[in-house]
Protein backbone atom coordinates (compact mmCIF):
# COMPACT_ATOMS: atom_id res chain seq x y z
CA MET A 1 -39.51 -14.35 37.70
CA THR A 2 -40.53 -14.50 34.07
CA ALA A 3 -38.28 -15.66 31.26
CA ALA A 4 -35.32 -13.38 30.49
CA ASN A 5 -35.71 -11.25 33.61
CA VAL A 6 -32.08 -12.07 34.30
CA GLY A 7 -29.15 -10.61 32.39
CA VAL A 8 -25.43 -11.35 32.17
CA LEU A 9 -23.06 -8.60 31.07
CA LEU A 10 -19.56 -9.71 30.12
CA VAL A 11 -17.06 -6.87 30.47
CA ASN A 12 -13.62 -6.65 28.90
CA LEU A 13 -11.05 -3.88 28.69
CA GLY A 14 -11.74 -2.20 25.38
CA THR A 15 -10.46 -1.41 21.92
CA PRO A 16 -10.34 1.42 19.38
CA ASP A 17 -13.11 1.49 16.79
CA ALA A 18 -10.59 1.36 13.95
CA PRO A 19 -6.85 0.85 13.44
CA GLU A 20 -6.39 4.53 12.69
CA PRO A 21 -4.58 7.22 14.72
CA ALA A 22 -7.72 9.26 15.41
CA ALA A 23 -9.62 6.26 16.77
CA VAL A 24 -6.64 5.11 18.80
CA ARG A 25 -6.23 8.62 20.20
CA ARG A 26 -9.85 8.65 21.42
CA TYR A 27 -9.42 5.25 23.01
CA LEU A 28 -6.12 6.09 24.70
CA ALA A 29 -7.48 9.41 25.97
CA GLU A 30 -10.26 7.57 27.80
CA PHE A 31 -8.09 4.67 28.95
CA LEU A 32 -5.13 6.71 30.17
CA SER A 33 -7.35 9.28 31.90
CA ASP A 34 -8.71 6.62 34.25
CA ARG A 35 -7.32 7.33 37.72
CA ARG A 36 -7.28 3.58 38.37
CA VAL A 37 -4.95 3.05 35.40
CA VAL A 38 -2.59 5.98 35.91
CA GLU A 39 -2.32 7.01 39.56
CA ILE A 40 -0.29 10.16 38.92
CA PRO A 41 -2.14 13.33 40.05
CA PRO A 42 -4.07 14.75 37.06
CA LEU A 43 -2.38 18.15 37.35
CA LEU A 44 0.92 16.42 36.56
CA TRP A 45 -0.34 13.67 34.28
CA GLN A 46 -2.84 15.37 31.98
CA PRO A 47 -0.38 17.89 30.46
CA LEU A 48 1.99 15.01 29.68
CA LEU A 49 -0.85 12.88 28.31
CA ARG A 50 -2.37 15.64 26.15
CA GLY A 51 0.86 17.35 25.21
CA VAL A 52 3.11 14.38 24.44
CA ILE A 53 1.60 10.89 24.63
CA LEU A 54 -1.58 11.52 22.64
CA ARG A 55 0.47 13.32 20.00
CA THR A 56 2.98 10.51 19.47
CA ARG A 57 1.66 7.15 20.62
CA PRO A 58 -1.58 6.81 18.54
CA LYS A 59 0.27 6.59 15.23
CA LYS A 60 2.56 3.84 16.52
CA SER A 61 -0.29 1.96 18.18
CA ALA A 62 -2.44 2.23 15.05
CA ARG A 63 0.28 0.46 13.07
CA ALA A 64 0.28 -2.33 15.64
CA TYR A 65 -3.51 -2.64 15.51
CA ARG A 66 -3.40 -2.91 11.72
CA GLU A 67 -1.16 -5.97 12.11
CA VAL A 68 -3.92 -7.88 13.91
CA TRP A 69 -7.19 -6.26 12.71
CA THR A 70 -9.82 -8.63 11.31
CA GLU A 71 -12.93 -8.28 9.17
CA GLN A 72 -14.94 -8.33 12.41
CA GLY A 73 -12.82 -5.59 13.97
CA SER A 74 -10.16 -5.92 16.63
CA PRO A 75 -9.57 -9.45 17.96
CA LEU A 76 -10.74 -8.44 21.44
CA ALA A 77 -14.01 -6.98 20.14
CA ALA A 78 -14.76 -9.93 17.86
CA ILE A 79 -13.89 -12.61 20.41
CA THR A 80 -15.75 -10.98 23.32
CA ALA A 81 -18.86 -10.68 21.15
CA ALA A 82 -18.51 -14.35 20.19
CA GLN A 83 -18.10 -15.33 23.85
CA ALA A 84 -21.34 -13.54 24.69
CA ALA A 85 -23.15 -15.29 21.84
CA GLY A 86 -21.74 -18.64 22.90
CA LEU A 87 -22.72 -18.12 26.53
CA GLN A 88 -26.22 -17.08 25.41
CA ALA A 89 -26.57 -20.39 23.58
CA ARG A 90 -25.41 -22.32 26.64
CA LEU A 91 -27.62 -20.49 29.17
CA GLY A 92 -30.71 -20.51 27.00
CA ALA A 93 -33.66 -18.17 26.57
CA GLY A 94 -34.16 -17.62 30.31
CA VAL A 95 -31.11 -15.33 30.46
CA ARG A 96 -30.12 -12.40 28.25
CA VAL A 97 -26.37 -12.18 27.64
CA ALA A 98 -24.65 -9.01 26.45
CA HIS A 99 -21.09 -7.74 26.38
CA ALA A 100 -19.49 -4.36 27.00
CA MET A 101 -16.10 -2.67 27.08
CA ARG A 102 -14.71 -0.61 29.92
CA TYR A 103 -13.27 1.80 27.35
CA GLY A 104 -14.73 2.32 23.91
CA LEU A 105 -17.79 0.60 22.46
CA PRO A 106 -20.11 -1.02 23.30
CA GLY A 107 -20.13 1.00 26.50
CA LEU A 108 -20.92 -0.55 29.87
CA ALA A 109 -23.56 2.01 30.83
CA ALA A 110 -25.36 1.70 27.49
CA GLU A 111 -25.42 -2.10 27.60
CA LEU A 112 -26.63 -2.16 31.21
CA ALA A 113 -29.43 0.24 30.26
CA ARG A 114 -30.29 -1.91 27.23
CA LEU A 115 -30.60 -5.02 29.38
CA THR A 116 -32.92 -3.23 31.81
CA ASP A 117 -34.98 -1.86 28.92
CA LEU A 118 -35.40 -5.45 27.74
CA GLY A 119 -36.87 -6.37 31.13
CA CYS A 120 -33.85 -7.58 33.10
CA ASP A 121 -34.34 -6.62 36.73
CA ARG A 122 -31.39 -8.76 37.88
CA VAL A 123 -27.99 -8.54 36.17
CA LEU A 124 -24.73 -10.40 36.72
CA VAL A 125 -21.84 -8.15 35.68
CA ALA A 126 -18.83 -10.32 34.84
CA PRO A 127 -15.45 -8.59 34.41
CA LEU A 128 -13.38 -11.06 32.37
CA TYR A 129 -10.22 -10.62 34.44
CA PRO A 130 -9.14 -13.83 36.19
CA GLN A 131 -6.72 -11.96 38.47
CA TYR A 132 -7.88 -8.89 40.40
CA ALA A 133 -6.20 -5.56 39.76
CA ALA A 134 -7.42 -2.13 40.71
CA ALA A 135 -6.62 -0.98 37.15
CA THR A 136 -8.91 -3.62 35.62
CA THR A 137 -11.48 -5.21 37.93
CA ALA A 138 -11.94 -2.22 40.23
CA SER A 139 -12.12 0.14 37.27
CA ALA A 140 -14.93 -1.94 35.75
CA ILE A 141 -16.82 -1.87 39.03
CA ASP A 142 -16.27 1.90 39.23
CA ALA A 143 -17.86 2.24 35.79
CA LEU A 144 -20.73 0.03 36.91
CA GLY A 145 -21.30 2.30 39.91
CA ASP A 146 -21.28 5.38 37.68
CA ALA A 147 -23.82 3.73 35.38
CA LEU A 148 -26.11 2.86 38.29
CA LYS A 149 -25.92 6.42 39.60
CA ALA A 150 -27.47 7.64 36.36
CA MET A 151 -30.36 5.13 36.44
CA ARG A 152 -33.65 5.93 38.11
CA ARG A 153 -34.76 2.29 38.02
CA GLN A 154 -31.81 0.12 38.93
CA PRO A 155 -31.62 -3.64 38.51
CA ALA A 156 -30.37 -5.87 41.30
CA ILE A 157 -26.66 -6.47 40.67
CA ARG A 158 -24.22 -9.29 41.26
CA THR A 159 -20.58 -9.20 40.16
CA LEU A 160 -18.28 -12.04 39.18
CA PRO A 161 -15.34 -12.30 41.60
CA PRO A 162 -11.77 -12.93 40.41
CA TYR A 163 -11.38 -16.56 39.39
CA TYR A 164 -7.59 -16.92 39.32
CA ASP A 165 -7.64 -20.10 41.43
CA ASP A 166 -11.03 -21.48 40.44
CA ALA A 167 -10.92 -25.17 39.58
CA ALA A 168 -12.98 -24.57 36.42
CA TYR A 169 -10.48 -21.94 35.21
CA ILE A 170 -7.40 -24.06 35.92
CA ALA A 171 -8.98 -27.10 34.25
CA ALA A 172 -9.91 -25.04 31.19
CA LEU A 173 -6.36 -23.70 30.89
CA ARG A 174 -4.89 -27.18 31.29
CA ASP A 175 -7.16 -28.79 28.72
CA ASP A 176 -6.79 -26.04 26.14
CA ILE A 177 -3.01 -25.75 26.53
CA LEU A 178 -2.57 -29.52 26.16
CA ARG A 179 -4.82 -29.50 23.08
CA GLN A 180 -2.85 -26.72 21.43
CA VAL A 181 0.59 -28.08 22.34
CA ALA A 182 -0.38 -31.42 20.81
CA THR A 183 -0.96 -29.69 17.46
CA LEU A 184 2.41 -27.90 17.34
CA PRO A 185 5.02 -29.09 14.82
CA PHE A 186 7.60 -29.17 17.62
CA ALA A 187 7.81 -30.24 21.26
CA PRO A 188 8.34 -27.16 23.49
CA GLU A 189 11.19 -27.29 25.96
CA VAL A 190 9.61 -24.44 27.92
CA LEU A 191 6.10 -23.10 28.38
CA LEU A 192 6.31 -19.40 29.26
CA LEU A 193 3.26 -17.93 31.00
CA SER A 194 3.09 -14.21 30.26
CA PHE A 195 0.79 -12.06 32.40
CA HIS A 196 0.09 -8.38 31.86
CA GLY A 197 2.45 -6.26 33.93
CA LEU A 198 1.70 -3.61 36.53
CA PRO A 199 3.92 -1.13 38.34
CA GLU A 200 5.45 -2.70 41.46
CA ARG A 201 3.96 0.19 43.41
CA SER A 202 0.50 -1.34 42.94
CA SER A 203 1.51 -4.33 45.08
CA ARG A 204 2.88 -2.09 47.81
CA LEU A 205 -0.45 -0.27 47.86
CA GLY A 206 -2.29 -3.55 48.46
CA ASP A 207 -3.13 -4.81 44.99
CA PRO A 208 -3.24 -8.66 45.08
CA TYR A 209 -2.61 -9.01 41.35
CA ALA A 210 0.97 -10.30 41.44
CA ASP A 211 0.20 -12.89 44.11
CA GLN A 212 -2.84 -14.07 42.18
CA CYS A 213 -0.79 -14.44 38.97
CA LEU A 214 1.74 -16.54 40.87
CA ALA A 215 -1.08 -18.64 42.33
CA THR A 216 -2.51 -19.26 38.85
CA ALA A 217 0.92 -20.31 37.58
CA ARG A 218 1.47 -22.66 40.52
CA LEU A 219 -1.91 -24.33 40.14
CA LEU A 220 -1.44 -24.66 36.39
CA ARG A 221 1.99 -26.24 36.89
CA GLU A 222 0.40 -28.80 39.19
CA ALA A 223 -2.45 -29.45 36.75
CA LEU A 224 -0.12 -29.91 33.76
CA GLY A 225 2.24 -32.19 35.68
CA ASP A 226 4.95 -33.73 33.51
CA SER A 227 3.18 -32.96 30.22
CA VAL A 228 5.32 -29.82 29.81
CA PRO A 229 9.05 -30.09 30.68
CA ARG A 230 9.38 -26.66 32.29
CA ILE A 231 7.06 -23.72 33.02
CA GLU A 232 8.25 -20.16 33.62
CA ILE A 233 6.38 -16.94 34.38
CA ALA A 234 6.89 -13.37 33.14
CA PHE A 235 5.12 -10.00 32.92
CA GLN A 236 4.63 -8.01 29.72
CA SER A 237 3.48 -4.58 28.49
CA ARG A 238 5.76 -2.30 30.49
CA PHE A 239 5.10 1.43 30.14
CA GLY A 240 6.88 4.50 31.46
CA ARG A 241 9.83 4.80 33.81
CA ALA A 242 8.38 3.22 36.96
CA LYS A 243 9.64 -0.16 38.14
CA TRP A 244 7.27 -2.89 36.95
CA LEU A 245 6.64 -6.47 37.99
CA GLU A 246 9.47 -8.76 36.99
CA PRO A 247 10.79 -10.70 35.23
CA ALA A 248 9.90 -8.92 32.01
CA THR A 249 8.66 -11.14 29.19
CA GLU A 250 11.15 -9.86 26.61
CA ALA A 251 14.03 -10.34 29.08
CA VAL A 252 12.96 -13.93 29.75
CA LEU A 253 12.69 -14.68 26.02
CA ARG A 254 16.24 -13.40 25.45
CA ALA A 255 17.56 -15.24 28.48
CA GLU A 256 15.95 -18.55 27.48
CA ALA A 257 17.47 -18.35 24.01
CA GLY A 258 20.83 -17.42 25.53
CA TRP A 259 20.68 -20.42 27.86
CA GLY A 260 20.15 -22.76 24.91
CA THR A 261 16.37 -23.11 24.74
CA ARG A 262 15.52 -23.62 21.09
CA ARG A 263 11.81 -24.57 21.23
CA LEU A 264 9.45 -22.41 23.26
CA ALA A 265 5.67 -22.02 23.55
CA MET A 266 3.99 -19.10 25.28
CA ALA A 267 0.54 -18.74 26.82
CA ALA A 268 -1.19 -15.66 28.27
CA PRO A 269 -3.55 -17.06 30.93
CA GLY A 270 -4.45 -13.64 32.34
CA PHE A 271 -6.27 -12.66 29.14
CA ALA A 272 -9.78 -14.03 28.58
CA ALA A 273 -9.57 -13.19 24.87
CA ASP A 274 -6.78 -12.54 22.41
CA CYS A 275 -6.04 -8.88 21.84
CA LEU A 276 -3.30 -6.49 20.73
CA GLU A 277 -1.12 -7.51 23.67
CA THR A 278 -1.18 -11.16 22.64
CA ARG A 279 -1.39 -11.14 18.86
CA GLU A 280 1.03 -8.28 18.24
CA GLU A 281 3.18 -7.86 21.34
CA LEU A 282 3.66 -11.58 22.05
CA ALA A 283 3.04 -13.36 18.74
CA ILE A 284 4.96 -10.94 16.52
CA ARG A 285 7.41 -9.02 18.69
CA GLY A 286 7.92 -11.89 21.12
CA ARG A 287 8.84 -14.24 18.31
CA ALA A 288 11.30 -11.70 16.93
CA VAL A 289 12.97 -11.29 20.31
CA PHE A 290 13.31 -15.05 20.85
CA THR A 291 14.59 -15.91 17.38
CA SER A 292 16.97 -12.97 17.15
CA ALA A 293 18.54 -14.15 20.42
CA GLY A 294 19.13 -17.65 19.03
CA GLY A 295 15.82 -19.43 19.57
CA GLU A 296 14.39 -21.47 16.72
CA ASP A 297 10.80 -22.70 17.18
CA PHE A 298 8.28 -20.37 18.79
CA ALA A 299 4.51 -20.55 19.21
CA LEU A 300 2.01 -18.33 20.98
CA LEU A 301 -0.95 -20.39 22.15
CA ASP A 302 -4.41 -18.88 21.82
CA CYS A 303 -6.20 -17.57 24.88
CA LEU A 304 -9.27 -19.51 26.01
CA ASN A 305 -11.42 -17.37 23.68
CA THR A 306 -14.41 -19.42 22.48
CA SER A 307 -12.70 -22.80 22.79
CA PRO A 308 -14.87 -25.57 24.27
CA PRO A 309 -12.92 -25.54 27.56
CA GLY A 310 -13.15 -21.75 27.74
CA MET A 311 -16.88 -21.63 27.07
CA ALA A 312 -17.53 -24.47 29.51
CA MET A 313 -15.67 -22.46 32.14
CA LEU A 314 -17.69 -19.31 31.47
CA GLU A 315 -20.90 -21.31 31.74
CA THR A 316 -19.79 -22.86 35.03
CA LEU A 317 -18.87 -19.48 36.51
CA ALA A 318 -22.06 -17.83 35.28
CA ARG A 319 -24.38 -20.56 36.53
CA ARG A 320 -22.68 -20.52 39.93
CA GLU A 321 -23.15 -16.76 40.31
CA LEU A 322 -26.73 -16.92 38.98
CA ALA A 323 -27.76 -19.53 41.53
CA GLY A 324 -31.11 -18.56 43.03
CA TRP A 325 -31.88 -16.29 40.11
CA VAL A 326 -31.99 -19.01 37.47
């Protein structure tokens, strides 16, 4: 192999191009039309999506995006791009690193084609989801398959498996959480781990997501030891009328305050990069829920993002999967 014949494509969920209703509507139309995300038959779902949801939700979501938008764009877009640049620096000139979004831009198919045009005949596709869910990991692999179908000259492909219990991931979470907690102006009585929610039905259909979240929480508890008094787990981002994984994050925040917890920190270990669900839903609305219920000190810890522990983890995972190619 010659230099840079190998590519790495980091894949995250996606984001609108702008914090405006039209851009959010385009993003939600693509996201919520994915059969992996919404498993209601299209004949029933699409009229509701087109006739109600896409007429009402984009304006509300755009307001939320404006709360967290940066000069570089949405937090997820900016951080994922920075992760790719950081991993490129760590892996060196022998590997080309790019990033893509499952929904929105940069698109997975376009970035895979760009890597092959640059000479990469072997590509590691790395969905940045520690815990496997059909709505996230499988959807990314579906999109990869669709992209490959359209290519006459396909590269050899490897994919990053879920890393929910990987020692490098748990160590990165431990080190980064301890670093951030040490900088807080208060000592948390509770560390709440908030994972993205899914309908309970997904578990009954065989999705391992809930079990993998619980495994991550258990391993992180063991790794943190006595450095945090108490660790709890919850699931956020409920949508629709179906029964979702419990306990719900907002319910736990209210309950903790009601039980007398006054100082609480929250982490979102299922997210590789901060996004709307962390910086608006947890940092802003979560704080409001906790303090309005009687809590006093609240902090949302950053995701691993481009922290030294997070980047070291990404390098470890990438080098392991690239073994024999690099």
